[in-house]
Amino acid sequence: MNRQGRLTAVAAIPLVLVGCGLLGQRGGDAPAREERPQEITMRVINDNFYDATIYAVDQGYRRRLGVVGGLKEDTFRFRWSSIDLSVEIRLLSVGTTQTYSLPVDEGDELELRIQPDLHRRIPPDGG
C-alpha cells in the first residue's frame, strides 16, 4: 500500500502528527508484519535555523537517518521493519523532541516539517 503522510513538528512535546487520515486509523489488532524490512521515504523540510539530526524510532529501537541543515531540506530512504514509526528531532545545541507514532507500510512517503520556532518549544538537553 502506498500512502503519503505528513509529520509536522509544531508544538511542545510530544509533537503533533498530521497524516492525511493515517493517524488513529488502525482499529483492533494490526496483523503481524513480516520480518522483511519495508522501504520508506521521508522528506524533511527544516524551516528552523538550527541543524536537525533525524532518527527513526520505535519501541526502543533508534536509527539515525541523517542531518538536515538549518533552513534546508533533504530526503531519506530507509528500510524499516516495524509497523510503527516516530521521529526524533535533535536540534543542534538546543534540545530533542519526538513525534507521536505513525503506522507505516512499504512504499510510504512521509514529509516532516520542522517549524521555525521549534527551538523555543523544547527543553534544552540536560548535561
PDB file of N, CA and C in Angstrom:
ATOM      1  N   MET A   1       0.850  -1.159   0.000  1.00  0.00           N
ATOM      2  CA  MET A   1       0.000   0.000   0.000  1.00  0.00           C
ATOM      3  C   MET A   1       0.904   1.232   0.000  1.00  0.00           C
ATOM      4  N   ASN A   2       0.673   2.159  -0.887  1.00  0.00           N
ATOM      5  CA  ASN A   2       1.482   3.363  -0.965  1.00  0.00           C
ATOM      6  C   ASN A   2       0.649   4.533  -0.449  1.00  0.00           C
ATOM      7  N   ARG A   3       1.048   5.081   0.693  1.00  0.00           N
ATOM      8  CA  ARG A   3       0.335   6.207   1.282  1.00  0.00           C
ATOM      9  C   ARG A   3       1.298   7.360   1.430  1.00  0.00           C
ATOM     10  N   GLN A   4       0.730   8.527   1.531  1.00  0.00           N
ATOM     11  CA  GLN A   4       1.552   9.681   1.841  1.00  0.00           C
ATOM     12  C   GLN A   4       1.120  10.196   3.192  1.00  0.00           C
ATOM     13  N   GLY A   5       2.074  10.583   4.001  1.00  0.00           N
ATOM     14  CA  GLY A   5       1.764  11.110   5.322  1.00  0.00           C
ATOM     15  C   GLY A   5       2.575  12.351   5.576  1.00  0.00           C
ATOM     16  N   ARG A   6       2.174  13.078   6.584  1.00  0.00           N
ATOM     17  CA  ARG A   6       2.882  14.301   6.920  1.00  0.00           C
ATOM     18  C   ARG A   6       3.097  14.330   8.417  1.00  0.00           C
ATOM     19  N   LEU A   7       4.326  14.545   8.821  1.00  0.00           N
ATOM     20  CA  LEU A   7       4.693  14.711  10.220  1.00  0.00           C
ATOM     21  C   LEU A   7       5.047  16.182  10.380  1.00  0.00           C
ATOM     22  N   THR A   8       4.424  16.863  11.297  1.00  0.00           N
ATOM     23  CA  THR A   8       4.703  18.274  11.452  1.00  0.00           C
ATOM     24  C   THR A   8       5.170  18.564  12.864  1.00  0.00           C
ATOM     25  N   ALA A   9       6.347  19.107  12.979  1.00  0.00           N
ATOM     26  CA  ALA A   9       6.892  19.456  14.287  1.00  0.00           C
ATOM     27  C   ALA A   9       6.469  20.879  14.605  1.00  0.00           C
ATOM     28  N   VAL A  10       5.402  21.038  15.385  1.00  0.00           N
ATOM     29  CA  VAL A  10       4.832  22.358  15.592  1.00  0.00           C
ATOM     30  C   VAL A  10       4.705  22.796  17.031  1.00  0.00           C
ATOM     31  N   ALA A  11       4.673  21.889  17.967  1.00  0.00           N
ATOM     32  CA  ALA A  11       4.317  22.296  19.322  1.00  0.00           C
ATOM     33  C   ALA A  11       5.216  21.629  20.341  1.00  0.00           C
ATOM     34  N   ALA A  12       4.844  21.777  21.589  1.00  0.00           N
ATOM     35  CA  ALA A  12       5.624  21.190  22.668  1.00  0.00           C
ATOM     36  C   ALA A  12       5.566  19.672  22.591  1.00  0.00           C
ATOM     37  N   ILE A  13       6.346  19.023  23.421  1.00  0.00           N
ATOM     38  CA  ILE A  13       6.486  17.575  23.393  1.00  0.00           C
ATOM     39  C   ILE A  13       5.191  16.930  23.864  1.00  0.00           C
ATOM     40  N   PRO A  14       4.700  15.845  23.351  1.00  0.00           N
ATOM     41  CA  PRO A  14       5.129  15.290  22.081  1.00  0.00           C
ATOM     42  C   PRO A  14       4.543  16.093  20.928  1.00  0.00           C
ATOM     43  N   LEU A  15       5.195  16.041  19.816  1.00  0.00           N
ATOM     44  CA  LEU A  15       4.793  16.827  18.664  1.00  0.00           C
ATOM     45  C   LEU A  15       3.528  16.285  18.028  1.00  0.00           C
ATOM     46  N   VAL A  16       2.935  17.080  17.189  1.00  0.00           N
ATOM     47  CA  VAL A  16       1.684  16.714  16.534  1.00  0.00           C
ATOM     48  C   VAL A  16       1.971  15.979  15.240  1.00  0.00           C
ATOM     49  N   LEU A  17       1.253  14.901  15.005  1.00  0.00           N
ATOM     50  CA  LEU A  17       1.318  14.194  13.730  1.00  0.00           C
ATOM     51  C   LEU A  17       0.080  14.542  12.941  1.00  0.00           C
ATOM     52  N   VAL A  18       0.267  15.033  11.748  1.00  0.00           N
ATOM     53  CA  VAL A  18      -0.848  15.290  10.866  1.00  0.00           C
ATOM     54  C   VAL A  18      -0.634  14.367   9.688  1.00  0.00           C
ATOM     55  N   GLY A  19      -1.580  13.485   9.420  1.00  0.00           N
ATOM     56  CA  GLY A  19      -1.240  12.454   8.463  1.00  0.00           C
ATOM     57  C   GLY A  19      -2.268  12.050   7.457  1.00  0.00           C
ATOM     58  N   CYS A  20      -2.814  12.899   6.669  1.00  0.00           N
ATOM     59  CA  CYS A  20      -3.699  12.505   5.569  1.00  0.00           C
ATOM     60  C   CYS A  20      -4.620  11.353   5.980  1.00  0.00           C
ATOM     61  N   GLY A  21      -5.182  11.420   7.175  1.00  0.00           N
ATOM     62  CA  GLY A  21      -6.084  10.378   7.634  1.00  0.00           C
ATOM     63  C   GLY A  21      -5.386   9.144   8.150  1.00  0.00           C
ATOM     64  N   LEU A  22      -4.072   9.166   8.322  1.00  0.00           N
ATOM     65  CA  LEU A  22      -3.350   7.981   8.763  1.00  0.00           C
ATOM     66  C   LEU A  22      -3.407   7.805  10.270  1.00  0.00           C
ATOM     67  N   LEU A  23      -3.486   8.875  11.028  1.00  0.00           N
ATOM     68  CA  LEU A  23      -3.451   8.787  12.476  1.00  0.00           C
ATOM     69  C   LEU A  23      -4.778   8.274  13.012  1.00  0.00           C
ATOM     70  N   GLY A  24      -4.732   7.300  13.885  1.00  0.00           N
ATOM     71  CA  GLY A  24      -5.933   6.766  14.501  1.00  0.00           C
ATOM     72  C   GLY A  24      -6.742   5.879  13.580  1.00  0.00           C
ATOM     73  N   GLN A  25      -6.167   5.398  12.513  1.00  0.00           N
ATOM     74  CA  GLN A  25      -6.896   4.626  11.529  1.00  0.00           C
ATOM     75  C   GLN A  25      -6.834   3.127  11.810  1.00  0.00           C
ATOM     76  N   ARG A  26      -5.952   2.701  12.695  1.00  0.00           N
ATOM     77  CA  ARG A  26      -5.788   1.276  12.959  1.00  0.00           C
ATOM     78  C   ARG A  26      -6.759   0.817  14.023  1.00  0.00           C
ATOM     79  N   GLY A  27      -7.805   0.146  13.628  1.00  0.00           N
ATOM     80  CA  GLY A  27      -8.763  -0.378  14.589  1.00  0.00           C
ATOM     81  C   GLY A  27      -8.385  -1.800  14.957  1.00  0.00           C
ATOM     82  N   GLY A  28      -8.493  -2.144  16.223  1.00  0.00           N
ATOM     83  CA  GLY A  28      -8.195  -3.509  16.645  1.00  0.00           C
ATOM     84  C   GLY A  28      -6.719  -3.824  16.524  1.00  0.00           C
ATOM     85  N   ASP A  29      -6.429  -5.115  16.542  1.00  0.00           N
ATOM     86  CA  ASP A  29      -5.041  -5.549  16.429  1.00  0.00           C
ATOM     87  C   ASP A  29      -4.613  -5.568  14.976  1.00  0.00           C
ATOM     88  N   ALA A  30      -3.474  -4.985  14.705  1.00  0.00           N
ATOM     89  CA  ALA A  30      -2.934  -4.993  13.345  1.00  0.00           C
ATOM     90  C   ALA A  30      -2.293  -6.348  13.083  1.00  0.00           C
ATOM     91  N   PRO A  31      -2.374  -6.845  11.846  1.00  0.00           N
ATOM     92  CA  PRO A  31      -1.720  -8.109  11.535  1.00  0.00           C
ATOM     93  C   PRO A  31      -0.211  -7.962  11.684  1.00  0.00           C
ATOM     94  N   ALA A  32       0.440  -9.030  12.103  1.00  0.00           N
ATOM     95  CA  ALA A  32       1.896  -9.005  12.267  1.00  0.00           C
ATOM     96  C   ALA A  32       2.558  -8.827  10.914  1.00  0.00           C
ATOM     97  N   ARG A  33       3.563  -7.983  10.873  1.00  0.00           N
ATOM     98  CA  ARG A  33       4.295  -7.739   9.645  1.00  0.00           C
ATOM     99  C   ARG A  33       5.402  -8.770   9.512  1.00  0.00           C
ATOM    100  N   GLU A  34       5.702  -9.115   8.268  1.00  0.00           N
ATOM    101  CA  GLU A  34       6.846  -9.991   8.028  1.00  0.00           C
ATOM    102  C   GLU A  34       8.094  -9.314   8.576  1.00  0.00           C
ATOM    103  N   GLU A  35       9.105 -10.087   8.841  1.00  0.00           N
ATOM    104  CA  GLU A  35      10.361  -9.538   9.361  1.00  0.00           C
ATOM    105  C   GLU A  35      11.155  -8.800   8.296  1.00  0.00           C
ATOM    106  N   ARG A  36      10.764  -8.918   7.044  1.00  0.00           N
ATOM    107  CA  ARG A  36      11.475  -8.250   5.957  1.00  0.00           C
ATOM    108  C   ARG A  36      11.276  -6.732   6.055  1.00  0.00           C
ATOM    109  N   PRO A  37      12.366  -5.967   6.060  1.00  0.00           N
ATOM    110  CA  PRO A  37      12.239  -4.512   6.147  1.00  0.00           C
ATOM    111  C   PRO A  37      11.491  -3.919   4.958  1.00  0.00           C
ATOM    112  N   GLN A  38      10.738  -2.869   5.236  1.00  0.00           N
ATOM    113  CA  GLN A  38       9.971  -2.158   4.224  1.00  0.00           C
ATOM    114  C   GLN A  38      10.704  -0.860   3.873  1.00  0.00           C
ATOM    115  N   GLU A  39      10.658  -0.441   2.622  1.00  0.00           N
ATOM    116  CA  GLU A  39      11.314   0.811   2.240  1.00  0.00           C
ATOM    117  C   GLU A  39      10.366   1.985   2.451  1.00  0.00           C
ATOM    118  N   ILE A  40      10.859   2.981   3.171  1.00  0.00           N
ATOM    119  CA  ILE A  40      10.107   4.191   3.494  1.00  0.00           C
ATOM    120  C   ILE A  40      10.904   5.381   2.959  1.00  0.00           C
ATOM    121  N   THR A  41      10.201   6.401   2.468  1.00  0.00           N
ATOM    122  CA  THR A  41      10.833   7.647   2.029  1.00  0.00           C
ATOM    123  C   THR A  41      10.326   8.766   2.921  1.00  0.00           C
ATOM    124  N   MET A  42      11.263   9.575   3.453  1.00  0.00           N
ATOM    125  CA  MET A  42      10.873  10.699   4.289  1.00  0.00           C
ATOM    126  C   MET A  42      11.563  11.968   3.796  1.00  0.00           C
ATOM    127  N   ARG A  43      10.766  12.937   3.421  1.00  0.00           N
ATOM    128  CA  ARG A  43      11.279  14.250   3.040  1.00  0.00           C
ATOM    129  C   ARG A  43      11.229  15.120   4.290  1.00  0.00           C
ATOM    130  N   VAL A  44      12.358  15.731   4.647  1.00  0.00           N
ATOM    131  CA  VAL A  44      12.443  16.581   5.831  1.00  0.00           C
ATOM    132  C   VAL A  44      12.686  18.011   5.363  1.00  0.00           C
ATOM    133  N   ILE A  45      11.790  18.898   5.766  1.00  0.00           N
ATOM    134  CA  ILE A  45      11.906  20.324   5.457  1.00  0.00           C
ATOM    135  C   ILE A  45      12.189  21.021   6.783  1.00  0.00           C
ATOM    136  N   ASN A  46      13.389  21.566   6.909  1.00  0.00           N
ATOM    137  CA  ASN A  46      13.788  22.219   8.150  1.00  0.00           C
ATOM    138  C   ASN A  46      13.626  23.726   7.999  1.00  0.00           C
ATOM    139  N   ASP A  47      12.503  24.234   8.501  1.00  0.00           N
ATOM    140  CA  ASP A  47      12.246  25.673   8.471  1.00  0.00           C
ATOM    141  C   ASP A  47      12.872  26.379   9.674  1.00  0.00           C
ATOM    142  N   ASN A  48      13.618  25.638  10.488  1.00  0.00           N
ATOM    143  CA  ASN A  48      14.262  26.180  11.670  1.00  0.00           C
ATOM    144  C   ASN A  48      15.703  26.571  11.330  1.00  0.00           C
ATOM    145  N   PHE A  49      16.239  27.531  12.061  1.00  0.00           N
ATOM    146  CA  PHE A  49      17.608  27.990  11.857  1.00  0.00           C
ATOM    147  C   PHE A  49      18.634  26.922  12.219  1.00  0.00           C
ATOM    148  N   TYR A  50      18.321  26.087  13.230  1.00  0.00           N
ATOM    149  CA  TYR A  50      19.272  25.109  13.748  1.00  0.00           C
ATOM    150  C   TYR A  50      19.300  23.834  12.903  1.00  0.00           C
ATOM    151  N   ASP A  51      20.512  23.250  12.769  1.00  0.00           N
ATOM    152  CA  ASP A  51      20.637  21.943  12.114  1.00  0.00           C
ATOM    153  C   ASP A  51      19.872  20.907  12.927  1.00  0.00           C
ATOM    154  N   ALA A  52      19.271  19.936  12.240  1.00  0.00           N
ATOM    155  CA  ALA A  52      18.486  18.898  12.913  1.00  0.00           C
ATOM    156  C   ALA A  52      19.008  17.521  12.532  1.00  0.00           C
ATOM    157  N   THR A  53      19.328  16.718  13.539  1.00  0.00           N
ATOM    158  CA  THR A  53      19.654  15.313  13.310  1.00  0.00           C
ATOM    159  C   THR A  53      18.360  14.531  13.467  1.00  0.00           C
ATOM    160  N   ILE A  54      18.071  13.676  12.488  1.00  0.00           N
ATOM    161  CA  ILE A  54      16.801  12.963  12.420  1.00  0.00           C
ATOM    162  C   ILE A  54      17.028  11.477  12.701  1.00  0.00           C
ATOM    163  N   TYR A  55      16.181  10.919  13.589  1.00  0.00           N
ATOM    164  CA  TYR A  55      16.230   9.498  13.934  1.00  0.00           C
ATOM    165  C   TYR A  55      14.855   8.876  13.731  1.00  0.00           C
ATOM    166  N   ALA A  56      14.819   7.653  13.195  1.00  0.00           N
ATOM    167  CA  ALA A  56      13.599   6.848  13.158  1.00  0.00           C
ATOM    168  C   ALA A  56      13.580   6.033  14.452  1.00  0.00           C
ATOM    169  N   VAL A  57      12.424   5.987  15.125  1.00  0.00           N
ATOM    170  CA  VAL A  57      12.339   5.364  16.438  1.00  0.00           C
ATOM    171  C   VAL A  57      11.080   4.501  16.540  1.00  0.00           C
ATOM    172  N   ASP A  58      11.216   3.340  17.192  1.00  0.00           N
ATOM    173  CA  ASP A  58      10.054   2.540  17.582  1.00  0.00           C
ATOM    174  C   ASP A  58      10.445   1.566  18.676  1.00  0.00           C
ATOM    175  N   GLN A  59       9.714   1.603  19.781  1.00  0.00           N
ATOM    176  CA  GLN A  59       9.872   0.686  20.904  1.00  0.00           C
ATOM    177  C   GLN A  59      11.337   0.474  21.310  1.00  0.00           C
ATOM    178  N   GLY A  60      12.046   1.563  21.527  1.00  0.00           N
ATOM    179  CA  GLY A  60      13.421   1.480  21.985  1.00  0.00           C
ATOM    180  C   GLY A  60      14.470   1.368  20.882  1.00  0.00           C
ATOM    181  N   TYR A  61      14.045   1.009  19.679  1.00  0.00           N
ATOM    182  CA  TYR A  61      14.983   0.942  18.555  1.00  0.00           C
ATOM    183  C   TYR A  61      15.104   2.343  17.967  1.00  0.00           C
ATOM    184  N   ARG A  62      16.326   2.782  17.727  1.00  0.00           N
ATOM    185  CA  ARG A  62      16.582   4.141  17.245  1.00  0.00           C
ATOM    186  C   ARG A  62      17.596   4.062  16.122  1.00  0.00           C
ATOM    187  N   ARG A  63      17.251   4.614  14.961  1.00  0.00           N
ATOM    188  CA  ARG A  63      18.151   4.582  13.804  1.00  0.00           C
ATOM    189  C   ARG A  63      18.380   6.002  13.291  1.00  0.00           C
ATOM    190  N   ARG A  64      19.636   6.395  13.204  1.00  0.00           N
ATOM    191  CA  ARG A  64      19.982   7.726  12.696  1.00  0.00           C
ATOM    192  C   ARG A  64      19.791   7.748  11.184  1.00  0.00           C
ATOM    193  N   LEU A  65      18.997   8.715  10.712  1.00  0.00           N
ATOM    194  CA  LEU A  65      18.778   8.860   9.275  1.00  0.00           C
ATOM    195  C   LEU A  65      19.731   9.871   8.658  1.00  0.00           C
ATOM    196  N   GLY A  66      20.031  10.939   9.397  1.00  0.00           N
ATOM    197  CA  GLY A  66      20.952  11.936   8.874  1.00  0.00           C
ATOM    198  C   GLY A  66      20.695  13.315   9.459  1.00  0.00           C
ATOM    199  N   VAL A  67      21.394  14.299   8.910  1.00  0.00           N
ATOM    200  CA  VAL A  67      21.306  15.682   9.376  1.00  0.00           C
ATOM    201  C   VAL A  67      20.730  16.542   8.252  1.00  0.00           C
ATOM    202  N   VAL A  68      19.817  17.428   8.642  1.00  0.00           N
ATOM    203  CA  VAL A  68      19.274  18.413   7.709  1.00  0.00           C
ATOM    204  C   VAL A  68      19.666  19.776   8.247  1.00  0.00           C
ATOM    205  N   GLY A  69      20.430  20.509   7.461  1.00  0.00           N
ATOM    206  CA  GLY A  69      20.901  21.826   7.884  1.00  0.00           C
ATOM    207  C   GLY A  69      19.750  22.780   8.130  1.00  0.00           C
ATOM    208  N   GLY A  70      20.048  23.816   8.903  1.00  0.00           N
ATOM    209  CA  GLY A  70      19.044  24.844   9.156  1.00  0.00           C
ATOM    210  C   GLY A  70      18.597  25.491   7.860  1.00  0.00           C
ATOM    211  N   LEU A  71      17.278  25.668   7.731  1.00  0.00           N
ATOM    212  CA  LEU A  71      16.652  26.295   6.562  1.00  0.00           C
ATOM    213  C   LEU A  71      16.932  25.528   5.268  1.00  0.00           C
ATOM    214  N   LYS A  72      17.075  24.209   5.383  1.00  0.00           N
ATOM    215  CA  LYS A  72      17.325  23.349   4.214  1.00  0.00           C
ATOM    216  C   LYS A  72      16.352  22.183   4.237  1.00  0.00           C
ATOM    217  N   GLU A  73      16.417  21.349   3.218  1.00  0.00           N
ATOM    218  CA  GLU A  73      15.603  20.140   3.187  1.00  0.00           C
ATOM    219  C   GLU A  73      16.410  18.998   2.594  1.00  0.00           C
ATOM    220  N   ASP A  74      15.969  17.776   2.901  1.00  0.00           N
ATOM    221  CA  ASP A  74      16.641  16.584   2.404  1.00  0.00           C
ATOM    222  C   ASP A  74      15.626  15.447   2.385  1.00  0.00           C
ATOM    223  N   THR A  75      15.935  14.404   1.651  1.00  0.00           N
ATOM    224  CA  THR A  75      15.075  13.222   1.577  1.00  0.00           C
ATOM    225  C   THR A  75      15.884  12.006   1.982  1.00  0.00           C
ATOM    226  N   PHE A  76      15.279  11.191   2.840  1.00  0.00           N
ATOM    227  CA  PHE A  76      15.925   9.970   3.316  1.00  0.00           C
ATOM    228  C   PHE A  76      15.083   8.772   2.875  1.00  0.00           C
ATOM    229  N   ARG A  77      15.758   7.769   2.336  1.00  0.00           N
ATOM    230  CA  ARG A  77      15.115   6.491   2.004  1.00  0.00           C
ATOM    231  C   ARG A  77      15.765   5.453   2.895  1.00  0.00           C
ATOM    232  N   PHE A  78      14.933   4.661   3.575  1.00  0.00           N
ATOM    233  CA  PHE A  78      15.487   3.703   4.523  1.00  0.00           C
ATOM    234  C   PHE A  78      14.575   2.503   4.652  1.00  0.00           C
ATOM    235  N   ARG A  79      15.168   1.401   5.107  1.00  0.00           N
ATOM    236  CA  ARG A  79      14.431   0.164   5.354  1.00  0.00           C
ATOM    237  C   ARG A  79      13.947   0.195   6.796  1.00  0.00           C
ATOM    238  N   TRP A  80      12.700  -0.227   7.024  1.00  0.00           N
ATOM    239  CA  TRP A  80      12.113  -0.180   8.352  1.00  0.00           C
ATOM    240  C   TRP A  80      11.304  -1.442   8.585  1.00  0.00           C
ATOM    241  N   SER A  81      11.621  -2.178   9.649  1.00  0.00           N
ATOM    242  CA  SER A  81      10.966  -3.462   9.925  1.00  0.00           C
ATOM    243  C   SER A  81       9.715  -3.344  10.773  1.00  0.00           C
ATOM    244  N   SER A  82       9.553  -2.256  11.494  1.00  0.00           N
ATOM    245  CA  SER A  82       8.434  -2.125  12.421  1.00  0.00           C
ATOM    246  C   SER A  82       7.178  -1.619  11.714  1.00  0.00           C
ATOM    247  N   ILE A  83       6.036  -1.854  12.333  1.00  0.00           N
ATOM    248  CA  ILE A  83       4.766  -1.366  11.798  1.00  0.00           C
ATOM    249  C   ILE A  83       4.613   0.126  12.074  1.00  0.00           C
ATOM    250  N   ASP A  84       5.177   0.598  13.191  1.00  0.00           N
ATOM    251  CA  ASP A  84       5.035   1.994  13.589  1.00  0.00           C
ATOM    252  C   ASP A  84       6.365   2.735  13.490  1.00  0.00           C
ATOM    253  N   LEU A  85       6.259   4.043  13.338  1.00  0.00           N
ATOM    254  CA  LEU A  85       7.437   4.899  13.228  1.00  0.00           C
ATOM    255  C   LEU A  85       7.146   6.224  13.920  1.00  0.00           C
ATOM    256  N   SER A  86       8.056   6.657  14.767  1.00  0.00           N
ATOM    257  CA  SER A  86       8.037   8.032  15.249  1.00  0.00           C
ATOM    258  C   SER A  86       9.401   8.615  14.902  1.00  0.00           C
ATOM    259  N   VAL A  87       9.483   9.924  14.926  1.00  0.00           N
ATOM    260  CA  VAL A  87      10.708  10.594  14.509  1.00  0.00           C
ATOM    261  C   VAL A  87      11.242  11.419  15.668  1.00  0.00           C
ATOM    262  N   GLU A  88      12.518  11.215  15.972  1.00  0.00           N
ATOM    263  CA  GLU A  88      13.194  12.031  16.971  1.00  0.00           C
ATOM    264  C   GLU A  88      13.941  13.128  16.238  1.00  0.00           C
ATOM    265  N   ILE A  89      13.785  14.346  16.727  1.00  0.00           N
ATOM    266  CA  ILE A  89      14.446  15.519  16.135  1.00  0.00           C
ATOM    267  C   ILE A  89      15.375  16.090  17.187  1.00  0.00           C
ATOM    268  N   ARG A  90      16.668  16.121  16.879  1.00  0.00           N
ATOM    269  CA  ARG A  90      17.659  16.685  17.796  1.00  0.00           C
ATOM    270  C   ARG A  90      18.191  17.963  17.152  1.00  0.00           C
ATOM    271  N   LEU A  91      17.756  19.112  17.683  1.00  0.00           N
ATOM    272  CA  LEU A  91      18.234  20.394  17.169  1.00  0.00           C
ATOM    273  C   LEU A  91      19.586  20.704  17.794  1.00  0.00           C
ATOM    274  N   LEU A  92      20.566  20.996  16.968  1.00  0.00           N
ATOM    275  CA  LEU A  92      21.925  21.255  17.411  1.00  0.00           C
ATOM    276  C   LEU A  92      21.951  22.337  18.486  1.00  0.00           C
ATOM    277  N   SER A  93      22.540  22.017  19.622  1.00  0.00           N
ATOM    278  CA  SER A  93      22.732  22.946  20.746  1.00  0.00           C
ATOM    279  C   SER A  93      21.439  23.415  21.397  1.00  0.00           C
ATOM    280  N   VAL A  94      20.306  22.788  21.085  1.00  0.00           N
ATOM    281  CA  VAL A  94      19.035  23.263  21.624  1.00  0.00           C
ATOM    282  C   VAL A  94      18.336  22.200  22.461  1.00  0.00           C
ATOM    283  N   GLY A  95      18.040  21.049  21.878  1.00  0.00           N
ATOM    284  CA  GLY A  95      17.313  20.007  22.590  1.00  0.00           C
ATOM    285  C   GLY A  95      16.750  18.974  21.631  1.00  0.00           C
ATOM    286  N   THR A  96      16.007  18.042  22.206  1.00  0.00           N
ATOM    287  CA  THR A  96      15.478  16.914  21.453  1.00  0.00           C
ATOM    288  C   THR A  96      13.996  16.750  21.739  1.00  0.00           C
ATOM    289  N   THR A  97      13.245  16.362  20.727  1.00  0.00           N
ATOM    290  CA  THR A  97      11.835  16.053  20.889  1.00  0.00           C
ATOM    291  C   THR A  97      11.470  14.923  19.934  1.00  0.00           C
ATOM    292  N   GLN A  98      10.277  14.377  20.101  1.00  0.00           N
ATOM    293  CA  GLN A  98       9.870  13.224  19.295  1.00  0.00           C
ATOM    294  C   GLN A  98       8.401  13.347  18.914  1.00  0.00           C
ATOM    295  N   THR A  99       8.059  12.893  17.718  1.00  0.00           N
ATOM    296  CA  THR A  99       6.680  12.909  17.252  1.00  0.00           C
ATOM    297  C   THR A  99       5.909  11.737  17.838  1.00  0.00           C
ATOM    298  N   TYR A 100       4.597  11.774  17.715  1.00  0.00           N
ATOM    299  CA  TYR A 100       3.773  10.609  18.013  1.00  0.00           C
ATOM    300  C   TYR A 100       4.109   9.518  17.005  1.00  0.00           C
ATOM    301  N   SER A 101       3.678   8.320  17.284  1.00  0.00           N
ATOM    302  CA  SER A 101       3.916   7.182  16.400  1.00  0.00           C
ATOM    303  C   SER A 101       2.906   7.187  15.255  1.00  0.00           C
ATOM    304  N   LEU A 102       3.362   6.771  14.084  1.00  0.00           N
ATOM    305  CA  LEU A 102       2.538   6.724  12.880  1.00  0.00           C
ATOM    306  C   LEU A 102       2.689   5.342  12.253  1.00  0.00           C
ATOM    307  N   PRO A 103       1.588   4.679  11.893  1.00  0.00           N
ATOM    308  CA  PRO A 103       1.725   3.384  11.213  1.00  0.00           C
ATOM    309  C   PRO A 103       2.291   3.595   9.803  1.00  0.00           C
ATOM    310  N   VAL A 104       3.231   2.748   9.413  1.00  0.00           N
ATOM    311  CA  VAL A 104       3.851   2.864   8.093  1.00  0.00           C
ATOM    312  C   VAL A 104       3.799   1.533   7.364  1.00  0.00           C
ATOM    313  N   ASP A 105       3.886   1.610   6.053  1.00  0.00           N
ATOM    314  CA  ASP A 105       3.834   0.449   5.177  1.00  0.00           C
ATOM    315  C   ASP A 105       4.840   0.614   4.051  1.00  0.00           C
ATOM    316  N   GLU A 106       5.149  -0.473   3.378  1.00  0.00           N
ATOM    317  CA  GLU A 106       6.059  -0.465   2.228  1.00  0.00           C
ATOM    318  C   GLU A 106       5.675   0.650   1.261  1.00  0.00           C
ATOM    319  N   GLY A 107       6.661   1.420   0.848  1.00  0.00           N
ATOM    320  CA  GLY A 107       6.451   2.457  -0.162  1.00  0.00           C
ATOM    321  C   GLY A 107       5.886   3.763   0.355  1.00  0.00           C
ATOM    322  N   ASP A 108       5.632   3.875   1.663  1.00  0.00           N
ATOM    323  CA  ASP A 108       5.090   5.126   2.191  1.00  0.00           C
ATOM    324  C   ASP A 108       6.056   6.273   1.951  1.00  0.00           C
ATOM    325  N   GLU A 109       5.484   7.436   1.687  1.00  0.00           N
ATOM    326  CA  GLU A 109       6.246   8.664   1.504  1.00  0.00           C
ATOM    327  C   GLU A 109       5.769   9.650   2.554  1.00  0.00           C
ATOM    328  N   LEU A 110       6.662   9.997   3.477  1.00  0.00           N
ATOM    329  CA  LEU A 110       6.325  10.882   4.584  1.00  0.00           C
ATOM    330  C   LEU A 110       7.010  12.221   4.412  1.00  0.00           C
ATOM    331  N   GLU A 111       6.402  13.247   4.989  1.00  0.00           N
ATOM    332  CA  GLU A 111       7.018  14.561   4.995  1.00  0.00           C
ATOM    333  C   GLU A 111       7.051  15.070   6.421  1.00  0.00           C
ATOM    334  N   LEU A 112       8.235  15.464   6.870  1.00  0.00           N
ATOM    335  CA  LEU A 112       8.422  16.041   8.201  1.00  0.00           C
ATOM    336  C   LEU A 112       8.800  17.500   8.013  1.00  0.00           C
ATOM    337  N   ARG A 113       7.994  18.402   8.591  1.00  0.00           N
ATOM    338  CA  ARG A 113       8.297  19.831   8.515  1.00  0.00           C
ATOM    339  C   ARG A 113       8.629  20.304   9.924  1.00  0.00           C
ATOM    340  N   ILE A 114       9.850  20.802  10.082  1.00  0.00           N
ATOM    341  CA  ILE A 114      10.309  21.323  11.367  1.00  0.00           C
ATOM    342  C   ILE A 114      10.022  22.824  11.376  1.00  0.00           C
ATOM    343  N   GLN A 115       9.164  23.236  12.278  1.00  0.00           N
ATOM    344  CA  GLN A 115       8.704  24.614  12.337  1.00  0.00           C
ATOM    345  C   GLN A 115       9.814  25.569  12.772  1.00  0.00           C
ATOM    346  N   PRO A 116       9.749  26.833  12.326  1.00  0.00           N
ATOM    347  CA  PRO A 116      10.805  27.806  12.630  1.00  0.00           C
ATOM    348  C   PRO A 116      10.978  28.090  14.116  1.00  0.00           C
ATOM    349  N   ASP A 117       9.922  27.922  14.910  1.00  0.00           N
ATOM    350  CA  ASP A 117      10.020  28.239  16.331  1.00  0.00           C
ATOM    351  C   ASP A 117      10.143  26.995  17.217  1.00  0.00           C
ATOM    352  N   LEU A 118      10.432  25.843  16.647  1.00  0.00           N
ATOM    353  CA  LEU A 118      10.516  24.620  17.444  1.00  0.00           C
ATOM    354  C   LEU A 118      11.551  24.735  18.558  1.00  0.00           C
ATOM    355  N   HIS A 119      12.656  25.421  18.321  1.00  0.00           N
ATOM    356  CA  HIS A 119      13.709  25.549  19.329  1.00  0.00           C
ATOM    357  C   HIS A 119      13.213  26.251  20.590  1.00  0.00           C
ATOM    358  N   ARG A 120      12.158  27.020  20.495  1.00  0.00           N
ATOM    359  CA  ARG A 120      11.600  27.712  21.669  1.00  0.00           C
ATOM    360  C   ARG A 120      10.630  26.822  22.438  1.00  0.00           C
ATOM    361  N   ARG A 121      10.234  25.709  21.843  1.00  0.00           N
ATOM    362  CA  ARG A 121       9.179  24.873  22.424  1.00  0.00           C
ATOM    363  C   ARG A 121       9.694  23.582  23.067  1.00  0.00           C
ATOM    364  N   ILE A 122      10.979  23.300  22.960  1.00  0.00           N
ATOM    365  CA  ILE A 122      11.506  22.090  23.594  1.00  0.00           C
ATOM    366  C   ILE A 122      12.513  22.454  24.670  1.00  0.00           C
ATOM    367  N   PRO A 123      12.540  21.662  25.745  1.00  0.00           N
ATOM    368  CA  PRO A 123      13.508  21.947  26.809  1.00  0.00           C
ATOM    369  C   PRO A 123      14.932  21.679  26.342  1.00  0.00           C
ATOM    370  N   PRO A 124      15.906  22.392  26.860  1.00  0.00           N
ATOM    371  CA  PRO A 124      17.302  22.144  26.478  1.00  0.00           C
ATOM    372  C   PRO A 124      17.758  20.768  26.943  1.00  0.00           C
ATOM    373  N   ASP A 125      18.736  20.215  26.227  1.00  0.00           N
ATOM    374  CA  ASP A 125      19.318  18.941  26.622  1.00  0.00           C
ATOM    375  C   ASP A 125      19.949  19.072  27.995  1.00  0.00           C
ATOM    376  N   GLY A 126      19.719  18.050  28.798  1.00  0.00           N
ATOM    377  CA  GLY A 126      20.385  18.030  30.108  1.00  0.00           C
ATOM    378  C   GLY A 126      21.847  17.682  29.925  1.00  0.00           C
ATOM    379  N   GLY A 127      22.687  18.174  30.759  1.00  0.00           N
ATOM    380  CA  GLY A 127      24.045  17.753  30.608  1.00  0.00           C
ATOM    381  C   GLY A 127      24.988  18.640  31.167  1.00  0.00           C
TER     382      GLY A 127
END
